[in-house]
mmCIF file of all heavy atoms, coordinates in Angstrom:
data_MODEL
# 
_entry.id   MODEL 
# 
loop_
_atom_site.group_PDB 
_atom_site.id 
_atom_site.type_symbol 
_atom_site.label_atom_id 
_atom_site.label_alt_id 
_atom_site.label_comp_id 
_atom_site.label_asym_id 
_atom_site.label_entity_id 
_atom_site.label_seq_id 
_atom_site.pdbx_PDB_ins_code 
_atom_site.Cartn_x 
_atom_site.Cartn_y 
_atom_site.Cartn_z 
_atom_site.occupancy 
_atom_site.B_iso_or_equiv 
_atom_site.pdbx_formal_charge 
_atom_site.auth_seq_id 
_atom_site.auth_comp_id 
_atom_site.auth_asym_id 
_atom_site.auth_atom_id 
_atom_site.pdbx_PDB_model_num 
ATOM 1   N N   . LYS A 1 1  ? 11.119  12.453 1.719  1.00 0.00 ? 1  LYS A N   1 
ATOM 2   C CA  . LYS A 1 1  ? 12.539  12.362 1.261  1.00 0.00 ? 1  LYS A CA  1 
ATOM 3   C C   . LYS A 1 1  ? 13.383  12.494 2.562  1.00 0.00 ? 1  LYS A C   1 
ATOM 4   O O   . LYS A 1 1  ? 14.525  12.191 2.554  1.00 0.00 ? 1  LYS A O   1 
ATOM 5   C CB  . LYS A 1 1  ? 12.911  13.527 0.424  1.00 0.00 ? 1  LYS A CB  1 
ATOM 6   C CG  . LYS A 1 1  ? 12.168  13.382 -1.002 1.00 0.00 ? 1  LYS A CG  1 
ATOM 7   C CD  . LYS A 1 1  ? 12.477  14.645 -1.867 1.00 0.00 ? 1  LYS A CD  1 
ATOM 8   C CE  . LYS A 1 1  ? 11.613  14.698 -3.147 1.00 0.00 ? 1  LYS A CE  1 
ATOM 9   N NZ  . LYS A 1 1  ? 11.904  15.898 -3.908 1.00 0.00 ? 1  LYS A NZ  1 
ATOM 10  N N   . LYS A 1 2  ? 12.718  12.883 3.650  1.00 0.00 ? 2  LYS A N   1 
ATOM 11  C CA  . LYS A 1 2  ? 13.515  13.192 4.876  1.00 0.00 ? 2  LYS A CA  1 
ATOM 12  C C   . LYS A 1 2  ? 13.017  12.255 6.007  1.00 0.00 ? 2  LYS A C   1 
ATOM 13  O O   . LYS A 1 2  ? 13.894  11.968 6.950  1.00 0.00 ? 2  LYS A O   1 
ATOM 14  C CB  . LYS A 1 2  ? 13.116  14.616 5.448  1.00 0.00 ? 2  LYS A CB  1 
ATOM 15  C CG  . LYS A 1 2  ? 13.484  15.797 4.479  1.00 0.00 ? 2  LYS A CG  1 
ATOM 16  C CD  . LYS A 1 2  ? 14.823  16.069 4.563  1.00 0.00 ? 2  LYS A CD  1 
ATOM 17  C CE  . LYS A 1 2  ? 15.281  17.313 3.812  1.00 0.00 ? 2  LYS A CE  1 
ATOM 18  N NZ  . LYS A 1 2  ? 16.627  17.632 3.927  1.00 0.00 ? 2  LYS A NZ  1 
ATOM 19  N N   . SER A 1 3  ? 11.834  11.673 5.953  1.00 0.00 ? 3  SER A N   1 
ATOM 20  C CA  . SER A 1 3  ? 11.237  11.018 7.122  1.00 0.00 ? 3  SER A CA  1 
ATOM 21  C C   . SER A 1 3  ? 10.730  9.640  6.849  1.00 0.00 ? 3  SER A C   1 
ATOM 22  O O   . SER A 1 3  ? 10.287  9.287  5.779  1.00 0.00 ? 3  SER A O   1 
ATOM 23  C CB  . SER A 1 3  ? 10.092  11.859 7.681  1.00 0.00 ? 3  SER A CB  1 
ATOM 24  O OG  . SER A 1 3  ? 9.499   11.289 8.842  1.00 0.00 ? 3  SER A OG  1 
ATOM 25  N N   . ASP A 1 4  ? 11.099  8.723  7.840  1.00 0.00 ? 4  ASP A N   1 
ATOM 26  C CA  . ASP A 1 4  ? 10.667  7.306  7.734  1.00 0.00 ? 4  ASP A CA  1 
ATOM 27  C C   . ASP A 1 4  ? 9.155   7.188  7.813  1.00 0.00 ? 4  ASP A C   1 
ATOM 28  O O   . ASP A 1 4  ? 8.517   6.331  7.198  1.00 0.00 ? 4  ASP A O   1 
ATOM 29  C CB  . ASP A 1 4  ? 11.259  6.406  8.825  1.00 0.00 ? 4  ASP A CB  1 
ATOM 30  C CG  . ASP A 1 4  ? 12.859  6.458  8.671  1.00 0.00 ? 4  ASP A CG  1 
ATOM 31  O OD1 . ASP A 1 4  ? 13.310  6.754  7.525  1.00 0.00 ? 4  ASP A OD1 1 
ATOM 32  O OD2 . ASP A 1 4  ? 13.453  6.303  9.679  1.00 0.00 ? 4  ASP A OD2 1 
ATOM 33  N N   . ARG A 1 5  ? 8.461   8.009  8.655  1.00 0.00 ? 5  ARG A N   1 
ATOM 34  C CA  . ARG A 1 5  ? 7.103   7.895  8.900  1.00 0.00 ? 5  ARG A CA  1 
ATOM 35  C C   . ARG A 1 5  ? 6.442   9.308  9.141  1.00 0.00 ? 5  ARG A C   1 
ATOM 36  O O   . ARG A 1 5  ? 7.082   10.088 9.704  1.00 0.00 ? 5  ARG A O   1 
ATOM 37  C CB  . ARG A 1 5  ? 6.776   7.001  10.097 1.00 0.00 ? 5  ARG A CB  1 
ATOM 38  C CG  . ARG A 1 5  ? 5.352   6.895  10.511 1.00 0.00 ? 5  ARG A CG  1 
ATOM 39  C CD  . ARG A 1 5  ? 5.141   5.879  11.712 1.00 0.00 ? 5  ARG A CD  1 
ATOM 40  N NE  . ARG A 1 5  ? 3.746   5.879  12.110 1.00 0.00 ? 5  ARG A NE  1 
ATOM 41  C CZ  . ARG A 1 5  ? 3.340   6.097  13.290 1.00 0.00 ? 5  ARG A CZ  1 
ATOM 42  N NH1 . ARG A 1 5  ? 4.223   6.316  14.331 1.00 0.00 ? 5  ARG A NH1 1 
ATOM 43  N NH2 . ARG A 1 5  ? 2.040   6.012  13.665 1.00 0.00 ? 5  ARG A NH2 1 
ATOM 44  N N   . ILE A 1 6  ? 5.243   9.526  8.541  1.00 0.00 ? 6  ILE A N   1 
ATOM 45  C CA  . ILE A 1 6  ? 4.617   10.808 8.689  1.00 0.00 ? 6  ILE A CA  1 
ATOM 46  C C   . ILE A 1 6  ? 3.213   10.544 9.091  1.00 0.00 ? 6  ILE A C   1 
ATOM 47  O O   . ILE A 1 6  ? 2.450   9.680  8.658  1.00 0.00 ? 6  ILE A O   1 
ATOM 48  C CB  . ILE A 1 6  ? 4.572   11.484 7.319  1.00 0.00 ? 6  ILE A CB  1 
ATOM 49  C CG1 . ILE A 1 6  ? 6.022   11.863 6.875  1.00 0.00 ? 6  ILE A CG1 1 
ATOM 50  C CG2 . ILE A 1 6  ? 3.671   12.790 7.407  1.00 0.00 ? 6  ILE A CG2 1 
ATOM 51  C CD1 . ILE A 1 6  ? 6.089   12.416 5.462  1.00 0.00 ? 6  ILE A CD1 1 
ATOM 52  N N   . VAL A 1 7  ? 2.741   11.281 10.080 1.00 0.00 ? 7  VAL A N   1 
ATOM 53  C CA  . VAL A 1 7  ? 1.352   11.218 10.486 1.00 0.00 ? 7  VAL A CA  1 
ATOM 54  C C   . VAL A 1 7  ? 0.790   12.769 10.516 1.00 0.00 ? 7  VAL A C   1 
ATOM 55  O O   . VAL A 1 7  ? 1.505   13.694 11.020 1.00 0.00 ? 7  VAL A O   1 
ATOM 56  C CB  . VAL A 1 7  ? 1.187   10.735 12.012 1.00 0.00 ? 7  VAL A CB  1 
ATOM 57  C CG1 . VAL A 1 7  ? -0.249  10.959 12.542 1.00 0.00 ? 7  VAL A CG1 1 
ATOM 58  C CG2 . VAL A 1 7  ? 1.611   9.311  12.004 1.00 0.00 ? 7  VAL A CG2 1 
ATOM 59  N N   . ILE A 1 8  ? -0.345  12.879 9.951  1.00 0.00 ? 8  ILE A N   1 
ATOM 60  C CA  . ILE A 1 8  ? -1.026  14.289 9.862  1.00 0.00 ? 8  ILE A CA  1 
ATOM 61  C C   . ILE A 1 8  ? -2.096  14.280 10.931 1.00 0.00 ? 8  ILE A C   1 
ATOM 62  O O   . ILE A 1 8  ? -3.033  13.492 11.006 1.00 0.00 ? 8  ILE A O   1 
ATOM 63  C CB  . ILE A 1 8  ? -1.632  14.535 8.499  1.00 0.00 ? 8  ILE A CB  1 
ATOM 64  C CG1 . ILE A 1 8  ? -0.555  14.392 7.390  1.00 0.00 ? 8  ILE A CG1 1 
ATOM 65  C CG2 . ILE A 1 8  ? -2.143  16.010 8.425  1.00 0.00 ? 8  ILE A CG2 1 
ATOM 66  C CD1 . ILE A 1 8  ? -1.044  14.584 6.036  1.00 0.00 ? 8  ILE A CD1 1 
ATOM 67  N N   . SER A 1 9  ? -2.093  15.349 11.794 1.00 0.00 ? 9  SER A N   1 
ATOM 68  C CA  . SER A 1 9  ? -3.088  15.592 12.757 1.00 0.00 ? 9  SER A CA  1 
ATOM 69  C C   . SER A 1 9  ? -4.156  16.663 12.141 1.00 0.00 ? 9  SER A C   1 
ATOM 70  O O   . SER A 1 9  ? -3.677  17.594 11.632 1.00 0.00 ? 9  SER A O   1 
ATOM 71  C CB  . SER A 1 9  ? -2.537  16.165 13.988 1.00 0.00 ? 9  SER A CB  1 
ATOM 72  O OG  . SER A 1 9  ? -1.608  15.268 14.604 1.00 0.00 ? 9  SER A OG  1 
ATOM 73  N N   . THR A 1 10 ? -5.407  16.272 12.125 1.00 0.00 ? 10 THR A N   1 
ATOM 74  C CA  . THR A 1 10 ? -6.336  17.017 11.427 1.00 0.00 ? 10 THR A CA  1 
ATOM 75  C C   . THR A 1 10 ? -7.795  16.988 12.132 1.00 0.00 ? 10 THR A C   1 
ATOM 76  O O   . THR A 1 10 ? -8.035  16.070 12.947 1.00 0.00 ? 10 THR A O   1 
ATOM 77  C CB  . THR A 1 10 ? -6.623  16.572 9.962  1.00 0.00 ? 10 THR A CB  1 
ATOM 78  O OG1 . THR A 1 10 ? -7.770  17.184 9.359  1.00 0.00 ? 10 THR A OG1 1 
ATOM 79  C CG2 . THR A 1 10 ? -6.809  15.023 9.872  1.00 0.00 ? 10 THR A CG2 1 
ATOM 80  N N   . ASN A 1 11 ? -8.600  17.939 11.914 1.00 0.00 ? 11 ASN A N   1 
ATOM 81  C CA  . ASN A 1 11 ? -10.009 17.817 12.476 1.00 0.00 ? 11 ASN A CA  1 
ATOM 82  C C   . ASN A 1 11 ? -10.966 17.027 11.540 1.00 0.00 ? 11 ASN A C   1 
ATOM 83  O O   . ASN A 1 11 ? -12.132 16.944 11.909 1.00 0.00 ? 11 ASN A O   1 
ATOM 84  C CB  . ASN A 1 11 ? -10.569 19.221 12.767 1.00 0.00 ? 11 ASN A CB  1 
ATOM 85  C CG  . ASN A 1 11 ? -10.660 20.135 11.521 1.00 0.00 ? 11 ASN A CG  1 
ATOM 86  O OD1 . ASN A 1 11 ? -10.969 19.716 10.472 1.00 0.00 ? 11 ASN A OD1 1 
ATOM 87  N ND2 . ASN A 1 11 ? -10.363 21.451 11.735 1.00 0.00 ? 11 ASN A ND2 1 
ATOM 88  N N   . GLY A 1 12 ? -10.508 16.598 10.416 1.00 0.00 ? 12 GLY A N   1 
ATOM 89  C CA  . GLY A 1 12 ? -11.236 15.713 9.555  1.00 0.00 ? 12 GLY A CA  1 
ATOM 90  C C   . GLY A 1 12 ? -12.287 16.334 8.730  1.00 0.00 ? 12 GLY A C   1 
ATOM 91  O O   . GLY A 1 12 ? -13.114 15.737 7.947  1.00 0.00 ? 12 GLY A O   1 
ATOM 92  N N   . PHE A 1 13 ? -12.336 17.819 8.682  1.00 0.00 ? 13 PHE A N   1 
ATOM 93  C CA  . PHE A 1 13 ? -13.365 18.528 7.991  1.00 0.00 ? 13 PHE A CA  1 
ATOM 94  C C   . PHE A 1 13 ? -13.179 18.412 6.452  1.00 0.00 ? 13 PHE A C   1 
ATOM 95  O O   . PHE A 1 13 ? -14.183 18.249 5.777  1.00 0.00 ? 13 PHE A O   1 
ATOM 96  C CB  . PHE A 1 13 ? -13.292 19.964 8.407  1.00 0.00 ? 13 PHE A CB  1 
ATOM 97  C CG  . PHE A 1 13 ? -14.379 20.788 7.986  1.00 0.00 ? 13 PHE A CG  1 
ATOM 98  C CD1 . PHE A 1 13 ? -15.677 20.828 8.525  1.00 0.00 ? 13 PHE A CD1 1 
ATOM 99  C CD2 . PHE A 1 13 ? -14.295 21.657 6.788  1.00 0.00 ? 13 PHE A CD2 1 
ATOM 100 C CE1 . PHE A 1 13 ? -16.736 21.654 8.070  1.00 0.00 ? 13 PHE A CE1 1 
ATOM 101 C CE2 . PHE A 1 13 ? -15.283 22.369 6.264  1.00 0.00 ? 13 PHE A CE2 1 
ATOM 102 C CZ  . PHE A 1 13 ? -16.538 22.326 6.934  1.00 0.00 ? 13 PHE A CZ  1 
ATOM 103 N N   . PHE A 1 14 ? -11.947 18.539 5.948  1.00 0.00 ? 14 PHE A N   1 
ATOM 104 C CA  . PHE A 1 14 ? -11.781 18.470 4.536  1.00 0.00 ? 14 PHE A CA  1 
ATOM 105 C C   . PHE A 1 14 ? -11.547 17.059 4.010  1.00 0.00 ? 14 PHE A C   1 
ATOM 106 O O   . PHE A 1 14 ? -10.514 16.610 3.622  1.00 0.00 ? 14 PHE A O   1 
ATOM 107 C CB  . PHE A 1 14 ? -10.528 19.335 4.274  1.00 0.00 ? 14 PHE A CB  1 
ATOM 108 C CG  . PHE A 1 14 ? -10.587 20.746 4.597  1.00 0.00 ? 14 PHE A CG  1 
ATOM 109 C CD1 . PHE A 1 14 ? -10.166 21.200 5.821  1.00 0.00 ? 14 PHE A CD1 1 
ATOM 110 C CD2 . PHE A 1 14 ? -11.257 21.662 3.782  1.00 0.00 ? 14 PHE A CD2 1 
ATOM 111 C CE1 . PHE A 1 14 ? -10.154 22.595 6.160  1.00 0.00 ? 14 PHE A CE1 1 
ATOM 112 C CE2 . PHE A 1 14 ? -11.389 23.050 4.042  1.00 0.00 ? 14 PHE A CE2 1 
ATOM 113 C CZ  . PHE A 1 14 ? -10.865 23.400 5.266  1.00 0.00 ? 14 PHE A CZ  1 
ATOM 114 N N   . THR A 1 15 ? -12.731 16.354 3.973  1.00 0.00 ? 15 THR A N   1 
ATOM 115 C CA  . THR A 1 15 ? -12.829 14.944 3.695  1.00 0.00 ? 15 THR A CA  1 
ATOM 116 C C   . THR A 1 15 ? -12.082 14.630 2.316  1.00 0.00 ? 15 THR A C   1 
ATOM 117 O O   . THR A 1 15 ? -11.252 13.740 2.222  1.00 0.00 ? 15 THR A O   1 
ATOM 118 C CB  . THR A 1 15 ? -14.211 14.287 3.689  1.00 0.00 ? 15 THR A CB  1 
ATOM 119 O OG1 . THR A 1 15 ? -14.658 14.665 4.914  1.00 0.00 ? 15 THR A OG1 1 
ATOM 120 C CG2 . THR A 1 15 ? -14.169 12.917 3.353  1.00 0.00 ? 15 THR A CG2 1 
ATOM 121 N N   . ASP A 1 16 ? -12.431 15.395 1.202  1.00 0.00 ? 16 ASP A N   1 
ATOM 122 C CA  . ASP A 1 16 ? -11.983 15.164 -0.073 1.00 0.00 ? 16 ASP A CA  1 
ATOM 123 C C   . ASP A 1 16 ? -10.400 15.322 -0.136 1.00 0.00 ? 16 ASP A C   1 
ATOM 124 O O   . ASP A 1 16 ? -9.784  14.541 -0.772 1.00 0.00 ? 16 ASP A O   1 
ATOM 125 C CB  . ASP A 1 16 ? -12.677 16.154 -1.043 1.00 0.00 ? 16 ASP A CB  1 
ATOM 126 C CG  . ASP A 1 16 ? -14.151 15.907 -1.276 1.00 0.00 ? 16 ASP A CG  1 
ATOM 127 O OD1 . ASP A 1 16 ? -14.599 14.815 -0.920 1.00 0.00 ? 16 ASP A OD1 1 
ATOM 128 O OD2 . ASP A 1 16 ? -14.778 16.787 -1.815 1.00 0.00 ? 16 ASP A OD2 1 
ATOM 129 N N   . ARG A 1 17 ? -9.921  16.330 0.633  1.00 0.00 ? 17 ARG A N   1 
ATOM 130 C CA  . ARG A 1 17 ? -8.459  16.455 0.519  1.00 0.00 ? 17 ARG A CA  1 
ATOM 131 C C   . ARG A 1 17 ? -7.724  15.432 1.325  1.00 0.00 ? 17 ARG A C   1 
ATOM 132 O O   . ARG A 1 17 ? -6.640  14.986 0.865  1.00 0.00 ? 17 ARG A O   1 
ATOM 133 C CB  . ARG A 1 17 ? -8.162  17.918 1.204  1.00 0.00 ? 17 ARG A CB  1 
ATOM 134 C CG  . ARG A 1 17 ? -8.695  19.011 0.384  1.00 0.00 ? 17 ARG A CG  1 
ATOM 135 C CD  . ARG A 1 17 ? -8.346  20.375 1.042  1.00 0.00 ? 17 ARG A CD  1 
ATOM 136 N NE  . ARG A 1 17 ? -9.121  21.406 0.564  1.00 0.00 ? 17 ARG A NE  1 
ATOM 137 C CZ  . ARG A 1 17 ? -8.870  22.670 0.777  1.00 0.00 ? 17 ARG A CZ  1 
ATOM 138 N NH1 . ARG A 1 17 ? -7.867  23.147 1.446  1.00 0.00 ? 17 ARG A NH1 1 
ATOM 139 N NH2 . ARG A 1 17 ? -9.745  23.699 0.259  1.00 0.00 ? 17 ARG A NH2 1 
ATOM 140 N N   . ILE A 1 18 ? -8.371  15.007 2.346  1.00 0.00 ? 18 ILE A N   1 
ATOM 141 C CA  . ILE A 1 18 ? -7.741  13.804 3.144  1.00 0.00 ? 18 ILE A CA  1 
ATOM 142 C C   . ILE A 1 18 ? -7.751  12.489 2.391  1.00 0.00 ? 18 ILE A C   1 
ATOM 143 O O   . ILE A 1 18 ? -6.787  11.792 2.339  1.00 0.00 ? 18 ILE A O   1 
ATOM 144 C CB  . ILE A 1 18 ? -8.499  13.570 4.522  1.00 0.00 ? 18 ILE A CB  1 
ATOM 145 C CG1 . ILE A 1 18 ? -8.389  14.986 5.392  1.00 0.00 ? 18 ILE A CG1 1 
ATOM 146 C CG2 . ILE A 1 18 ? -7.991  12.437 5.186  1.00 0.00 ? 18 ILE A CG2 1 
ATOM 147 C CD1 . ILE A 1 18 ? -9.297  14.989 6.598  1.00 0.00 ? 18 ILE A CD1 1 
ATOM 148 N N   . ILE A 1 19 ? -8.833  12.270 1.728  1.00 0.00 ? 19 ILE A N   1 
ATOM 149 C CA  . ILE A 1 19 ? -8.917  11.060 0.821  1.00 0.00 ? 19 ILE A CA  1 
ATOM 150 C C   . ILE A 1 19 ? -7.924  11.106 -0.297 1.00 0.00 ? 19 ILE A C   1 
ATOM 151 O O   . ILE A 1 19 ? -7.230  10.146 -0.498 1.00 0.00 ? 19 ILE A O   1 
ATOM 152 C CB  . ILE A 1 19 ? -10.319 10.796 0.337  1.00 0.00 ? 19 ILE A CB  1 
ATOM 153 C CG1 . ILE A 1 19 ? -11.360 10.695 1.565  1.00 0.00 ? 19 ILE A CG1 1 
ATOM 154 C CG2 . ILE A 1 19 ? -10.441 9.623  -0.625 1.00 0.00 ? 19 ILE A CG2 1 
ATOM 155 C CD1 . ILE A 1 19 ? -11.132 9.567  2.422  1.00 0.00 ? 19 ILE A CD1 1 
ATOM 156 N N   . ALA A 1 20 ? -7.839  12.305 -0.925 1.00 0.00 ? 20 ALA A N   1 
ATOM 157 C CA  . ALA A 1 20 ? -6.895  12.447 -2.025 1.00 0.00 ? 20 ALA A CA  1 
ATOM 158 C C   . ALA A 1 20 ? -5.424  12.306 -1.491 1.00 0.00 ? 20 ALA A C   1 
ATOM 159 O O   . ALA A 1 20 ? -4.655  11.638 -2.204 1.00 0.00 ? 20 ALA A O   1 
ATOM 160 C CB  . ALA A 1 20 ? -7.040  13.826 -2.604 1.00 0.00 ? 20 ALA A CB  1 
ATOM 161 N N   . MET A 1 21 ? -5.171  12.713 -0.313 1.00 0.00 ? 21 MET A N   1 
ATOM 162 C CA  . MET A 1 21 ? -3.856  12.572 0.240  1.00 0.00 ? 21 MET A CA  1 
ATOM 163 C C   . MET A 1 21 ? -3.571  11.034 0.452  1.00 0.00 ? 21 MET A C   1 
ATOM 164 O O   . MET A 1 21 ? -2.415  10.606 0.161  1.00 0.00 ? 21 MET A O   1 
ATOM 165 C CB  . MET A 1 21 ? -3.691  13.288 1.544  1.00 0.00 ? 21 MET A CB  1 
ATOM 166 C CG  . MET A 1 21 ? -2.344  13.104 2.358  1.00 0.00 ? 21 MET A CG  1 
ATOM 167 S SD  . MET A 1 21 ? -1.008  14.043 1.497  1.00 0.00 ? 21 MET A SD  1 
ATOM 168 C CE  . MET A 1 21 ? -1.456  15.734 1.998  1.00 0.00 ? 21 MET A CE  1 
ATOM 169 N N   . ALA A 1 22 ? -4.520  10.273 0.987  1.00 0.00 ? 22 ALA A N   1 
ATOM 170 C CA  . ALA A 1 22 ? -4.416  8.935  1.252  1.00 0.00 ? 22 ALA A CA  1 
ATOM 171 C C   . ALA A 1 22 ? -4.136  8.065  0.059  1.00 0.00 ? 22 ALA A C   1 
ATOM 172 O O   . ALA A 1 22 ? -3.387  7.126  0.069  1.00 0.00 ? 22 ALA A O   1 
ATOM 173 C CB  . ALA A 1 22 ? -5.587  8.492  2.134  1.00 0.00 ? 22 ALA A CB  1 
ATOM 174 N N   . LYS A 1 23 ? -4.819  8.516  -1.008 1.00 0.00 ? 23 LYS A N   1 
ATOM 175 C CA  . LYS A 1 23 ? -4.739  7.795  -2.299 1.00 0.00 ? 23 LYS A CA  1 
ATOM 176 C C   . LYS A 1 23 ? -3.319  7.896  -2.927 1.00 0.00 ? 23 LYS A C   1 
ATOM 177 O O   . LYS A 1 23 ? -2.747  7.018  -3.403 1.00 0.00 ? 23 LYS A O   1 
ATOM 178 C CB  . LYS A 1 23 ? -5.762  8.360  -3.266 1.00 0.00 ? 23 LYS A CB  1 
ATOM 179 C CG  . LYS A 1 23 ? -7.176  7.772  -3.048 1.00 0.00 ? 23 LYS A CG  1 
ATOM 180 C CD  . LYS A 1 23 ? -8.151  8.320  -4.100 1.00 0.00 ? 23 LYS A CD  1 
ATOM 181 C CE  . LYS A 1 23 ? -9.621  7.734  -3.702 1.00 0.00 ? 23 LYS A CE  1 
ATOM 182 N NZ  . LYS A 1 23 ? -10.579 8.395  -4.705 1.00 0.00 ? 23 LYS A NZ  1 
ATOM 183 N N   . ARG A 1 24 ? -2.717  9.183  -2.723 1.00 0.00 ? 24 ARG A N   1 
ATOM 184 C CA  . ARG A 1 24 ? -1.409  9.427  -3.249 1.00 0.00 ? 24 ARG A CA  1 
ATOM 185 C C   . ARG A 1 24 ? -0.250  8.868  -2.344 1.00 0.00 ? 24 ARG A C   1 
ATOM 186 O O   . ARG A 1 24 ? 0.712   8.379  -2.864 1.00 0.00 ? 24 ARG A O   1 
ATOM 187 C CB  . ARG A 1 24 ? -1.224  10.965 -3.371 1.00 0.00 ? 24 ARG A CB  1 
ATOM 188 C CG  . ARG A 1 24 ? 0.056   11.302 -4.036 1.00 0.00 ? 24 ARG A CG  1 
ATOM 189 C CD  . ARG A 1 24 ? 0.277   12.756 -4.345 1.00 0.00 ? 24 ARG A CD  1 
ATOM 190 N NE  . ARG A 1 24 ? 1.534   13.123 -4.743 1.00 0.00 ? 24 ARG A NE  1 
ATOM 191 C CZ  . ARG A 1 24 ? 1.988   14.326 -5.035 1.00 0.00 ? 24 ARG A CZ  1 
ATOM 192 N NH1 . ARG A 1 24 ? 1.220   15.350 -4.874 1.00 0.00 ? 24 ARG A NH1 1 
ATOM 193 N NH2 . ARG A 1 24 ? 3.201   14.572 -5.340 1.00 0.00 ? 24 ARG A NH2 1 
ATOM 194 N N   . PHE A 1 25 ? -0.563  8.816  -0.962 1.00 0.00 ? 25 PHE A N   1 
ATOM 195 C CA  . PHE A 1 25 ? 0.451   8.357  -0.131 1.00 0.00 ? 25 PHE A CA  1 
ATOM 196 C C   . PHE A 1 25 ? -0.254  7.397  0.849  1.00 0.00 ? 25 PHE A C   1 
ATOM 197 O O   . PHE A 1 25 ? -0.581  7.708  1.969  1.00 0.00 ? 25 PHE A O   1 
ATOM 198 C CB  . PHE A 1 25 ? 1.018   9.558  0.740  1.00 0.00 ? 25 PHE A CB  1 
ATOM 199 C CG  . PHE A 1 25 ? 1.614   10.552 0.005  1.00 0.00 ? 25 PHE A CG  1 
ATOM 200 C CD1 . PHE A 1 25 ? 0.889   11.762 -0.301 1.00 0.00 ? 25 PHE A CD1 1 
ATOM 201 C CD2 . PHE A 1 25 ? 2.858   10.525 -0.600 1.00 0.00 ? 25 PHE A CD2 1 
ATOM 202 C CE1 . PHE A 1 25 ? 1.482   12.841 -1.052 1.00 0.00 ? 25 PHE A CE1 1 
ATOM 203 C CE2 . PHE A 1 25 ? 3.462   11.539 -1.410 1.00 0.00 ? 25 PHE A CE2 1 
ATOM 204 C CZ  . PHE A 1 25 ? 2.842   12.672 -1.588 1.00 0.00 ? 25 PHE A CZ  1 
ATOM 205 N N   . PRO A 1 26 ? -0.382  6.119  0.415  1.00 0.00 ? 26 PRO A N   1 
ATOM 206 C CA  . PRO A 1 26 ? -1.080  5.112  1.174  1.00 0.00 ? 26 PRO A CA  1 
ATOM 207 C C   . PRO A 1 26 ? -0.567  4.707  2.471  1.00 0.00 ? 26 PRO A C   1 
ATOM 208 O O   . PRO A 1 26 ? -1.212  4.024  3.321  1.00 0.00 ? 26 PRO A O   1 
ATOM 209 C CB  . PRO A 1 26 ? -1.204  3.876  0.183  1.00 0.00 ? 26 PRO A CB  1 
ATOM 210 C CG  . PRO A 1 26 ? -0.061  4.088  -0.829 1.00 0.00 ? 26 PRO A CG  1 
ATOM 211 C CD  . PRO A 1 26 ? 0.071   5.575  -0.865 1.00 0.00 ? 26 PRO A CD  1 
ATOM 212 N N   . ASN A 1 27 ? 0.763   5.023  2.607  1.00 0.00 ? 27 ASN A N   1 
ATOM 213 C CA  . ASN A 1 27 ? 1.338   4.639  3.957  1.00 0.00 ? 27 ASN A CA  1 
ATOM 214 C C   . ASN A 1 27 ? 1.389   5.809  4.982  1.00 0.00 ? 27 ASN A C   1 
ATOM 215 O O   . ASN A 1 27 ? 1.812   5.697  6.150  1.00 0.00 ? 27 ASN A O   1 
ATOM 216 C CB  . ASN A 1 27 ? 2.939   4.323  3.719  1.00 0.00 ? 27 ASN A CB  1 
ATOM 217 C CG  . ASN A 1 27 ? 3.014   3.010  2.959  1.00 0.00 ? 27 ASN A CG  1 
ATOM 218 O OD1 . ASN A 1 27 ? 2.293   2.045  3.141  1.00 0.00 ? 27 ASN A OD1 1 
ATOM 219 N ND2 . ASN A 1 27 ? 3.933   3.021  2.080  1.00 0.00 ? 27 ASN A ND2 1 
ATOM 220 N N   . ILE A 1 28 ? 0.748   6.868  4.691  1.00 0.00 ? 28 ILE A N   1 
ATOM 221 C CA  . ILE A 1 28 ? 0.707   8.112  5.542  1.00 0.00 ? 28 ILE A CA  1 
ATOM 222 C C   . ILE A 1 28 ? -0.182  7.795  6.733  1.00 0.00 ? 28 ILE A C   1 
ATOM 223 O O   . ILE A 1 28 ? -1.231  6.992  6.617  1.00 0.00 ? 28 ILE A O   1 
ATOM 224 C CB  . ILE A 1 28 ? 0.210   9.340  4.883  1.00 0.00 ? 28 ILE A CB  1 
ATOM 225 C CG1 . ILE A 1 28 ? 0.742   10.536 5.555  1.00 0.00 ? 28 ILE A CG1 1 
ATOM 226 C CG2 . ILE A 1 28 ? -1.261  9.413  4.545  1.00 0.00 ? 28 ILE A CG2 1 
ATOM 227 C CD1 . ILE A 1 28 ? 0.786   11.857 4.838  1.00 0.00 ? 28 ILE A CD1 1 
# 
């Protein structure tokens, strides 16, 4: 609601959570 573009920096360990995030927010 605030930002034009969002990038998350992660170590990639929580694969299931990352995939779920990408499914809900495909432009992230």
